[in-house]
N, C-alpha and C. Protein backbone atom coordinates (compact mmCIF):
# COMPACT_ATOMS: atom_id res chain seq x y z
N MET A 1 -3.97 -13.78 4.98
CA MET A 1 -4.69 -14.93 5.84
C MET A 1 -4.24 -15.97 5.29
N GLN A 2 -3.25 -16.12 4.64
CA GLN A 2 -2.82 -17.66 4.03
C GLN A 2 -1.33 -17.74 5.05
N SER A 3 -0.70 -18.96 4.70
CA SER A 3 0.43 -18.70 5.50
C SER A 3 1.73 -18.57 4.40
N LYS A 4 2.59 -18.13 4.93
CA LYS A 4 3.84 -17.36 4.20
C LYS A 4 3.93 -18.53 2.97
N GLU A 5 4.24 -19.43 3.43
CA GLU A 5 4.39 -20.56 2.44
C GLU A 5 3.32 -20.77 1.15
N LYS A 6 2.06 -20.63 1.51
CA LYS A 6 1.36 -20.76 0.08
C LYS A 6 1.17 -18.94 -0.35
N LEU A 7 1.21 -18.07 0.36
CA LEU A 7 1.43 -16.99 -0.58
C LEU A 7 3.02 -17.09 -1.15
N ALA A 8 3.67 -17.64 -1.19
CA ALA A 8 5.06 -17.71 -1.60
C ALA A 8 5.08 -18.16 -3.15
N GLN A 9 4.03 -19.13 -3.03
CA GLN A 9 3.59 -19.81 -4.25
C GLN A 9 3.21 -18.90 -5.35
N SER A 10 2.55 -18.07 -4.91
CA SER A 10 2.22 -16.97 -6.05
C SER A 10 3.07 -16.09 -6.23
N MET A 11 3.37 -15.17 -5.12
CA MET A 11 4.12 -13.87 -4.98
C MET A 11 5.41 -14.50 -4.14
N GLY A 12 6.51 -14.77 -5.16
CA GLY A 12 7.84 -15.04 -4.83
C GLY A 12 8.53 -14.17 -3.64
N TRP A 13 7.91 -12.74 -3.56
CA TRP A 13 8.84 -11.77 -2.83
C TRP A 13 8.69 -12.32 -1.14
N ALA A 14 7.53 -12.82 -1.00
CA ALA A 14 7.37 -13.22 0.49
C ALA A 14 8.40 -13.92 0.71
N ASN A 15 8.95 -14.97 -0.12
CA ASN A 15 10.38 -15.81 0.57
C ASN A 15 11.42 -14.77 0.87
N ASP A 16 11.43 -13.73 1.03
CA ASP A 16 12.38 -12.57 1.23
C ASP A 16 11.95 -12.26 2.48
N PHE A 17 11.09 -12.42 3.14
CA PHE A 17 10.72 -11.85 4.57
C PHE A 17 10.43 -12.81 5.53
N THR A 18 10.15 -12.34 6.54
CA THR A 18 10.06 -13.24 7.90
C THR A 18 8.28 -13.36 7.61
N SER A 19 7.63 -14.16 8.38
CA SER A 19 6.09 -14.39 8.35
C SER A 19 5.59 -13.15 8.95
N ASN A 20 6.08 -13.01 10.21
CA ASN A 20 5.62 -11.84 10.72
C ASN A 20 5.73 -10.33 10.04
N THR A 21 6.89 -10.11 8.96
CA THR A 21 7.05 -9.04 8.21
C THR A 21 5.80 -9.38 7.23
N VAL A 22 5.69 -10.48 6.64
CA VAL A 22 4.92 -10.46 5.67
C VAL A 22 3.29 -9.76 5.96
N LYS A 23 3.13 -10.36 7.49
CA LYS A 23 1.78 -10.11 8.20
C LYS A 23 1.53 -8.77 8.46
N LEU A 24 2.55 -8.23 8.58
CA LEU A 24 2.48 -6.76 8.84
C LEU A 24 2.37 -5.84 7.78
N ILE A 25 2.93 -6.25 6.48
CA ILE A 25 2.65 -5.70 5.42
C ILE A 25 1.13 -5.82 4.70
N GLY A 26 0.66 -6.93 4.95
CA GLY A 26 -0.69 -7.56 4.69
C GLY A 26 -1.65 -6.41 5.76
N THR A 27 -1.48 -6.25 6.98
CA THR A 27 -2.07 -5.41 7.81
C THR A 27 -2.29 -3.89 7.18
N ALA A 28 -0.95 -3.64 6.79
CA ALA A 28 -0.55 -2.30 6.71
C ALA A 28 -1.70 -1.92 5.50
N GLU A 29 -1.45 -3.05 4.43
CA GLU A 29 -2.16 -2.50 3.30
C GLU A 29 -3.83 -2.75 3.53
N VAL A 30 -4.20 -3.08 4.33
CA VAL A 30 -5.63 -3.47 4.89
C VAL A 30 -5.95 -1.96 5.53
N LEU A 31 -5.25 -1.86 6.25
CA LEU A 31 -5.52 -0.52 7.17
C LEU A 31 -5.50 0.67 6.23
N ALA A 32 -4.38 0.59 5.08
CA ALA A 32 -4.60 1.98 4.06
C ALA A 32 -5.94 2.00 3.54
N ALA A 33 -6.33 0.67 3.01
CA ALA A 33 -7.61 0.63 2.24
C ALA A 33 -8.53 1.15 3.25
N ILE A 34 -8.85 0.77 4.33
CA ILE A 34 -9.74 1.19 5.29
C ILE A 34 -9.44 2.76 5.14
N GLY A 35 -8.26 2.97 5.57
CA GLY A 35 -8.22 4.50 5.87
C GLY A 35 -8.66 5.47 4.62
N LEU A 36 -8.30 5.36 3.35
CA LEU A 36 -9.18 5.76 2.42
C LEU A 36 -10.11 5.32 1.87
N VAL A 37 -11.12 4.88 2.54
CA VAL A 37 -12.63 4.63 1.81
C VAL A 37 -13.43 4.83 3.38
N VAL A 38 -13.28 4.49 4.17
CA VAL A 38 -13.92 4.87 5.47
C VAL A 38 -14.32 6.25 5.93
N PRO A 39 -13.32 6.98 6.14
CA PRO A 39 -13.22 8.16 6.58
C PRO A 39 -13.85 9.02 5.86
N PRO A 40 -14.13 9.27 4.49
CA PRO A 40 -14.62 10.21 3.59
C PRO A 40 -16.09 9.87 3.50
N LEU A 41 -16.43 8.49 3.95
CA LEU A 41 -17.74 7.82 3.30
C LEU A 41 -18.69 8.26 4.95
N THR A 42 -17.98 8.23 6.10
CA THR A 42 -18.74 8.26 7.26
C THR A 42 -18.70 9.97 7.77
N ASP A 43 -17.93 10.83 7.13
CA ASP A 43 -17.44 12.08 7.55
C ASP A 43 -16.99 11.91 9.13
N ILE A 44 -16.48 11.29 9.49
CA ILE A 44 -15.78 11.09 10.91
C ILE A 44 -14.39 10.94 10.51
N ALA A 45 -13.58 11.95 11.22
CA ALA A 45 -12.09 12.27 10.75
C ALA A 45 -11.35 12.17 9.75
N PRO A 46 -11.72 12.91 8.95
CA PRO A 46 -11.82 12.65 7.40
C PRO A 46 -9.94 12.86 7.03
N ILE A 47 -9.39 13.52 8.05
CA ILE A 47 -7.96 13.63 8.06
C ILE A 47 -7.19 12.13 8.06
N PHE A 48 -8.02 11.00 8.44
CA PHE A 48 -7.38 9.84 7.80
C PHE A 48 -7.07 9.61 6.50
N SER A 49 -7.74 10.07 5.64
CA SER A 49 -7.82 9.46 4.24
C SER A 49 -6.71 9.90 3.36
N PRO A 50 -5.92 11.20 3.97
CA PRO A 50 -4.56 11.67 3.39
C PRO A 50 -3.67 11.10 4.17
N LEU A 51 -3.97 10.56 5.18
CA LEU A 51 -2.61 9.89 5.83
C LEU A 51 -2.45 8.45 5.24
N ALA A 52 -3.47 7.80 5.27
CA ALA A 52 -3.64 6.43 4.70
C ALA A 52 -3.01 6.63 3.02
N ALA A 53 -3.08 7.30 2.85
CA ALA A 53 -2.48 7.54 1.18
C ALA A 53 -1.21 8.03 1.02
N THR A 54 -0.92 8.45 2.49
CA THR A 54 0.58 9.02 2.57
C THR A 54 1.18 7.35 2.78
N GLY A 55 0.94 7.11 3.54
CA GLY A 55 1.21 5.38 4.05
C GLY A 55 1.42 4.82 2.72
N LEU A 56 0.28 4.42 2.27
CA LEU A 56 0.01 3.93 1.08
C LEU A 56 1.29 3.98 0.06
N VAL A 57 1.36 5.11 -0.01
CA VAL A 57 2.83 5.68 -1.09
C VAL A 57 4.36 5.05 -0.37
N LEU A 58 4.39 5.23 0.94
CA LEU A 58 5.26 4.34 1.32
C LEU A 58 5.37 2.96 0.95
N LEU A 59 4.09 2.60 1.64
CA LEU A 59 4.49 1.13 1.12
C LEU A 59 4.49 0.88 -0.28
N MET A 60 4.20 1.61 -1.09
CA MET A 60 4.37 1.26 -2.68
C MET A 60 5.98 1.22 -2.77
N ILE A 61 6.79 2.23 -2.15
CA ILE A 61 7.96 2.86 -2.77
C ILE A 61 8.69 1.60 -2.17
N GLY A 62 8.32 0.82 -0.72
CA GLY A 62 9.07 -0.18 -0.57
C GLY A 62 8.85 -1.26 -1.44
N ALA A 63 7.47 -1.25 -1.81
CA ALA A 63 7.33 -2.59 -2.60
C ALA A 63 8.16 -2.82 -3.94
N PHE A 64 8.10 -1.22 -4.57
CA PHE A 64 9.16 -1.14 -6.02
C PHE A 64 10.28 -1.41 -5.81
N SER A 65 10.96 -0.96 -4.68
CA SER A 65 12.14 -1.45 -4.66
C SER A 65 11.99 -2.76 -4.60
N VAL A 66 11.71 -3.79 -3.83
CA VAL A 66 11.76 -5.09 -3.31
C VAL A 66 11.62 -5.82 -5.21
N HIS A 67 10.31 -5.11 -5.62
CA HIS A 67 10.24 -5.78 -7.34
C HIS A 67 11.32 -5.77 -8.14
N ARG A 68 11.96 -4.10 -7.84
CA ARG A 68 13.34 -3.88 -8.48
C ARG A 68 14.59 -4.97 -8.23
N ARG A 69 14.94 -4.93 -7.53
CA ARG A 69 15.59 -5.92 -7.08
C ARG A 69 15.70 -7.12 -7.42
N ARG A 70 14.24 -7.92 -7.28
CA ARG A 70 13.93 -9.15 -8.01
C ARG A 70 14.05 -9.11 -9.37
N ASP A 71 14.30 -8.35 -10.07
CA ASP A 71 13.91 -7.77 -11.29
C ASP A 71 12.33 -8.48 -12.34
N GLU A 72 11.42 -7.91 -11.23
CA GLU A 72 9.89 -8.21 -11.76
C GLU A 72 9.31 -6.87 -12.08
N THR A 73 10.02 -6.75 -13.57
CA THR A 73 9.20 -5.41 -14.08
C THR A 73 7.53 -5.48 -14.40
N GLN A 74 7.31 -6.58 -14.44
CA GLN A 74 5.79 -6.31 -14.55
C GLN A 74 5.06 -5.80 -13.24
N PHE A 75 5.35 -6.44 -12.02
CA PHE A 75 4.88 -5.84 -10.80
C PHE A 75 5.41 -4.58 -10.41
N MET A 76 6.54 -3.87 -11.19
CA MET A 76 7.03 -2.77 -10.73
C MET A 76 5.81 -1.74 -11.27
N ALA A 77 5.83 -2.05 -12.48
CA ALA A 77 4.89 -1.22 -13.19
C ALA A 77 3.53 -0.92 -12.27
N VAL A 78 2.90 -1.89 -11.99
CA VAL A 78 1.59 -1.65 -11.11
C VAL A 78 1.66 -1.54 -9.74
N THR A 79 2.95 -1.51 -9.32
CA THR A 79 3.55 -0.69 -7.91
C THR A 79 3.30 0.92 -8.35
N ALA A 80 4.51 1.21 -9.06
CA ALA A 80 4.50 2.65 -9.61
C ALA A 80 3.23 3.45 -9.68
N MET A 81 2.18 2.59 -10.61
CA MET A 81 0.78 3.30 -10.76
C MET A 81 0.18 3.00 -9.48
N LEU A 82 0.11 2.38 -8.47
CA LEU A 82 -0.40 2.37 -7.27
C LEU A 82 0.02 3.78 -6.49
N ALA A 83 1.39 3.82 -6.41
CA ALA A 83 2.05 4.88 -5.77
C ALA A 83 1.16 6.11 -6.45
N VAL A 84 1.58 6.34 -7.39
CA VAL A 84 1.07 7.49 -8.12
C VAL A 84 -0.44 7.73 -8.12
N VAL A 85 -1.23 6.90 -7.98
CA VAL A 85 -2.65 7.14 -7.51
C VAL A 85 -2.75 7.46 -6.03
N ALA A 86 -2.20 7.08 -5.18
CA ALA A 86 -2.07 7.23 -3.81
C ALA A 86 -1.36 8.78 -3.50
N ALA A 87 -0.59 8.96 -4.30
CA ALA A 87 -0.09 10.24 -4.06
C ALA A 87 -0.87 11.44 -4.52
N PHE A 88 -1.47 11.08 -5.76
CA PHE A 88 -2.50 12.35 -6.14
C PHE A 88 -3.89 12.16 -4.81
N VAL A 89 -4.01 11.17 -4.50
CA VAL A 89 -5.24 11.16 -3.53
C VAL A 89 -4.44 12.38 -2.50
N ALA A 90 -3.27 12.07 -1.83
CA ALA A 90 -3.04 12.70 -0.75
C ALA A 90 -2.46 14.05 -0.86
N ILE A 91 -1.82 14.51 -2.27
CA ILE A 91 -1.56 15.62 -2.22
C ILE A 91 -3.22 16.42 -2.52
N GLY A 92 -4.08 15.74 -3.13
CA GLY A 92 -5.44 16.41 -3.34
C GLY A 92 -6.46 16.52 -2.52
N ARG A 93 -6.04 15.85 -1.22
CA ARG A 93 -6.75 15.80 -0.20
C ARG A 93 -6.13 16.90 1.06
N PHE A 94 -4.92 16.68 1.13
CA PHE A 94 -3.96 17.78 2.04
C PHE A 94 -3.97 19.12 1.61
N GLY A 95 -4.19 19.26 0.22
CA GLY A 95 -3.78 20.84 -0.09
C GLY A 95 -5.10 21.45 -1.20
N ILE A 96 -5.41 20.57 -2.43
CA ILE A 96 -6.02 21.11 -2.96
C ILE A 96 -7.81 21.18 -2.99
N GLU A 97 -8.03 19.70 -2.31
CA GLU A 97 -9.36 19.95 -2.11
C GLU A 97 -9.73 19.31 -0.62
N PRO A 98 -9.62 19.71 0.19
CA PRO A 98 -9.35 19.03 1.74
C PRO A 98 -11.22 18.85 1.95
N PHE A 99 -11.43 17.75 2.71
CA PHE A 99 -12.87 17.69 2.96
C PHE A 99 -13.45 18.50 3.82
């Protein structure tokens, strides 16, 4: 919702990407969050929950590599934890305990 310049003040990684790429990343994160929460709550198309979790894992792998390249170790830890939690949801919902 913010301009790239304003976002870059608090998140330096935004300077490494174009404006459209930053918007695409934000949109993908919001869609992943919606996909994790809404299908299980509404019981409509619950397959989207593990798919969203898998997409979030892929996003976090990309984010981890960006933070690693920029030597941002604090963000690397948070990103890795989010990837692990999303992977746990994806594995759990695809096989162990499907809806």
